[in-house]
């Protein structure tokens, strides 16, 4: 979503030409005339091929299109490039919490990130929380860092779209929603345990949407142990076209993540008018901006209590929904693009 949203918004600015090097099947087709998409066949051949191309050819590819700045959007920069370089750092969990990731991923990205931070002219962080972590954990000077929060362009879906998504998932009950990659950091087992505490009190199903990531077996185990497996729906990947309807149809969006560098689903839910319950993990209080119910991560009882309070009080739901829409309106891809373009100018000027 970061690359898609940023590319589209940068392309709409129209003040410079963008050259985007993407995998053959990357679901991005910017309409802006000033975006040039270059499909990289190696990037479609698996993780190792993509990493190899990034390290050995990305710098040459940028030079061939006469780029003025090279932007590594996900921790990595090429081994050789004479261009000013910008790198985006999303979070530092591969350094601070390696247990939440595959060992091979931790090994690679620790090396790649350390090297990128050494060579980047400007460092982009998706939240002020990540920027502070960079200074505290890796001693990156604040004057090299630009904070470029992510955004959303979602809006509430109409009743027909919501009904279609509900029918596609076979939902007959109202539902609570959790969305995100099924991996340890997202802590979906805590959400499942919280739902199990509430299941006898509420008529809802729990819908968990997202791709299965590393360690997703813990989610299946939690569902089996919940006592209400028939009321937990594993929806898998949800196409972008259906996301607004899925958020809009939920009575509450619950995001139990232990730590986020940003936490994009939180503002996506807010933009759709859905009350949000999330945690104090990482940047989530910063992103929520006082528009969500917050609890400490990792505690099913606390999470269940927060969801219970939101569901049982119409005034609280309305308050959170209204504050959430206002907060989401502050965090748009256009704003992210403006801040990113300013960082490009600083990099090109050597500042």
Foldseek 3Di string as FASTA:
>chain_A
DQVQLLVQLLLVVPPAAAEAEEAPPDPHDHPRPRYHYHHDPLCPVDDVSVVVCQAAPPQVVCVVVPHQEAEAEDLAHYVDHPHAYEYEYWADCLPVPVVQDDPVVSVVSVVRNVVCLVRHLAYEAQDVLRLVCCCVPVVRDSVRYFHQHAADPFAADDPVLLVVVCVVQVHDWAAEEEEDEQTVQQPVLLVLLLCLVCVVPDRYAYEYEEAHDPPNVVVVVSLVPSVPVVRYGDPYHDDPVSVNSVLLRHQEYEGQGQATSHCVVQLSSLNNLHAYEYEPHGCVCVLCVPLHHYYHHDHSVVSSVRVVVCVVDPVNSNSSSVSSNVSNVVRHSNSSNVSVVVSSVCSSVSD
